[in-house]
C-alpha cells in the first residue's frame, strides 16, 4: 500500500492522475480499471454540500464558498 498527503493546491484531476500512475506502476492483478474514476470529493460549508470544480483546489473551493471570509470575520470580532 502506498499513499501520500496531497500538497496544498492539489486539484481533483491531479489526484486522479496520481492514482492512475500508481496503478500502472504496480499493475495489481485484481484491479480491473485504470484508476482515477472514484467519487468526486465535496466539502460541506454551513451545512451545504459544495462540489469541488474540475481543476480547482480545495483551498479555492473554500474561498469560493466564503469560509475563509467567515473565519476572518469571526477572529476579528473575537479579538475586539
C-alpha atoms as a PDB file:
ATOM      1  CA  UNK A   1       0.000   0.000   0.000  1.00  0.00           C
ATOM      2  CA  UNK A   2       1.267   3.462  -0.843  1.00  0.00           C
ATOM      3  CA  UNK A   3      -0.120   6.881  -0.006  1.00  0.00           C
ATOM      4  CA  UNK A   4       0.941  10.479   0.283  1.00  0.00           C
ATOM      5  CA  UNK A   5      -0.582  13.627   1.703  1.00  0.00           C
ATOM      6  CA  UNK A   6      -1.723  15.916  -1.093  1.00  0.00           C
ATOM      7  CA  UNK A   7       0.046  19.283  -1.026  1.00  0.00           C
ATOM      8  CA  UNK A   8      -1.979  22.479  -0.726  1.00  0.00           C
ATOM      9  CA  UNK A   9      -3.426  23.497  -4.066  1.00  0.00           C
ATOM     10  CA  UNK A  10      -3.755  19.938  -5.434  1.00  0.00           C
ATOM     11  CA  UNK A  11      -6.729  19.537  -7.766  1.00  0.00           C
ATOM     12  CA  UNK A  12      -9.045  16.544  -8.133  1.00  0.00           C
ATOM     13  CA  UNK A  13      -7.663  15.847 -11.606  1.00  0.00           C
ATOM     14  CA  UNK A  14      -4.108  15.761 -10.219  1.00  0.00           C
ATOM     15  CA  UNK A  15      -5.200  13.247  -7.559  1.00  0.00           C
ATOM     16  CA  UNK A  16      -6.804  11.054 -10.236  1.00  0.00           C
ATOM     17  CA  UNK A  17      -3.640  11.202 -12.347  1.00  0.00           C
ATOM     18  CA  UNK A  18      -1.529  10.168  -9.330  1.00  0.00           C
ATOM     19  CA  UNK A  19      -3.828   7.168  -8.811  1.00  0.00           C
ATOM     20  CA  UNK A  20      -3.571   6.170 -12.495  1.00  0.00           C
ATOM     21  CA  UNK A  21       0.245   6.335 -12.394  1.00  0.00           C
ATOM     22  CA  UNK A  22       0.422   4.177  -9.252  1.00  0.00           C
ATOM     23  CA  UNK A  23      -1.934   1.537 -10.680  1.00  0.00           C
ATOM     24  CA  UNK A  24       0.060   1.452 -13.910  1.00  0.00           C
ATOM     25  CA  UNK A  25       3.363   1.219 -11.994  1.00  0.00           C
ATOM     26  CA  UNK A  26       2.304  -1.637  -9.701  1.00  0.00           C
ATOM     27  CA  UNK A  27      -0.074  -3.419 -12.144  1.00  0.00           C
ATOM     28  CA  UNK A  28      -2.128  -5.184  -9.455  1.00  0.00           C
ATOM     29  CA  UNK A  29      -3.828  -8.315 -10.776  1.00  0.00           C
ATOM     30  CA  UNK A  30      -7.170  -7.787  -9.025  1.00  0.00           C
ATOM     31  CA  UNK A  31      -7.692  -4.200 -10.222  1.00  0.00           C
ATOM     32  CA  UNK A  32      -9.772  -4.171 -13.400  1.00  0.00           C
ATOM     33  CA  UNK A  33      -9.918  -0.404 -14.008  1.00  0.00           C
ATOM     34  CA  UNK A  34      -7.189   2.066 -14.843  1.00  0.00           C
ATOM     35  CA  UNK A  35      -7.880   4.385 -11.895  1.00  0.00           C
ATOM     36  CA  UNK A  36      -8.965   7.933 -11.342  1.00  0.00           C
ATOM     37  CA  UNK A  37     -12.655   7.132 -11.508  1.00  0.00           C
ATOM     38  CA  UNK A  38     -13.576   7.403  -7.834  1.00  0.00           C
ATOM     39  CA  UNK A  39     -16.342   9.514  -6.404  1.00  0.00           C
ATOM     40  CA  UNK A  40     -15.771  13.206  -6.816  1.00  0.00           C
ATOM     41  CA  UNK A  41     -14.992  14.875  -3.494  1.00  0.00           C
ATOM     42  CA  UNK A  42     -17.022  17.651  -1.973  1.00  0.00           C
ATOM     43  CA  UNK A  43     -16.841  19.739   1.141  1.00  0.00           C
ATOM     44  CA  UNK A  44     -19.616  20.979   3.364  1.00  0.00           C
ATOM     45  CA  UNK A  45     -19.810  24.679   4.202  1.00  0.00           C
ATOM     46  CA  UNK A  46     -22.554  25.968   6.511  1.00  0.00           C
ATOM     47  CA  UNK A  47     -24.313  22.592   6.210  1.00  0.00           C
ATOM     48  CA  UNK A  48     -24.470  22.724   2.409  1.00  0.00           C
ATOM     49  CA  UNK A  49     -22.609  20.447   0.000  1.00  0.00           C
ATOM     50  CA  UNK A  50     -20.173  22.384  -2.194  1.00  0.00           C
ATOM     51  CA  UNK A  51     -18.729  20.491  -5.155  1.00  0.00           C
ATOM     52  CA  UNK A  52     -15.067  20.938  -5.930  1.00  0.00           C
ATOM     53  CA  UNK A  53     -14.889  22.088  -9.539  1.00  0.00           C
ATOM     54  CA  UNK A  54     -12.571  20.420 -12.020  1.00  0.00           C
ATOM     55  CA  UNK A  55      -9.018  21.800 -11.755  1.00  0.00           C
ATOM     56  CA  UNK A  56      -9.944  23.647  -8.544  1.00  0.00           C
ATOM     57  CA  UNK A  57      -8.067  23.090  -5.303  1.00  0.00           C
ATOM     58  CA  UNK A  58      -9.845  22.611  -2.007  1.00  0.00           C
ATOM     59  CA  UNK A  59      -8.491  25.967  -0.897  1.00  0.00           C
ATOM     60  CA  UNK A  60     -10.082  27.623  -3.945  1.00  0.00           C
ATOM     61  CA  UNK A  61     -13.374  25.922  -3.113  1.00  0.00           C
ATOM     62  CA  UNK A  62     -13.232  27.232   0.461  1.00  0.00           C
ATOM     63  CA  UNK A  63     -12.625  30.752  -0.824  1.00  0.00           C
ATOM     64  CA  UNK A  64     -15.497  30.410  -3.307  1.00  0.00           C
ATOM     65  CA  UNK A  65     -17.762  29.124  -0.529  1.00  0.00           C
ATOM     66  CA  UNK A  66     -16.892  32.064   1.718  1.00  0.00           C
ATOM     67  CA  UNK A  67     -15.383  30.005   4.523  1.00  0.00           C
ATOM     68  CA  UNK A  68     -12.148  31.984   4.768  1.00  0.00           C
ATOM     69  CA  UNK A  69     -14.098  35.246   4.971  1.00  0.00           C
ATOM     70  CA  UNK A  70     -16.261  33.739   7.710  1.00  0.00           C
ATOM     71  CA  UNK A  71     -13.206  32.663   9.738  1.00  0.00           C
ATOM     72  CA  UNK A  72     -11.529  36.049   9.228  1.00  0.00           C
ATOM     73  CA  UNK A  73     -14.605  37.936  10.434  1.00  0.00           C
ATOM     74  CA  UNK A  74     -15.078  35.534  13.342  1.00  0.00           C
ATOM     75  CA  UNK A  75     -11.480  36.009  14.516  1.00  0.00           C
ATOM     76  CA  UNK A  76     -11.636  39.784  14.010  1.00  0.00           C
ATOM     77  CA  UNK A  77     -14.763  40.007  16.183  1.00  0.00           C
ATOM     78  CA  UNK A  78     -13.261  37.674  18.759  1.00  0.00           C
ATOM     79  CA  UNK A  79     -10.202  39.882  19.164  1.00  0.00           C
ATOM     80  CA  UNK A  80     -12.161  43.145  19.575  1.00  0.00           C
END
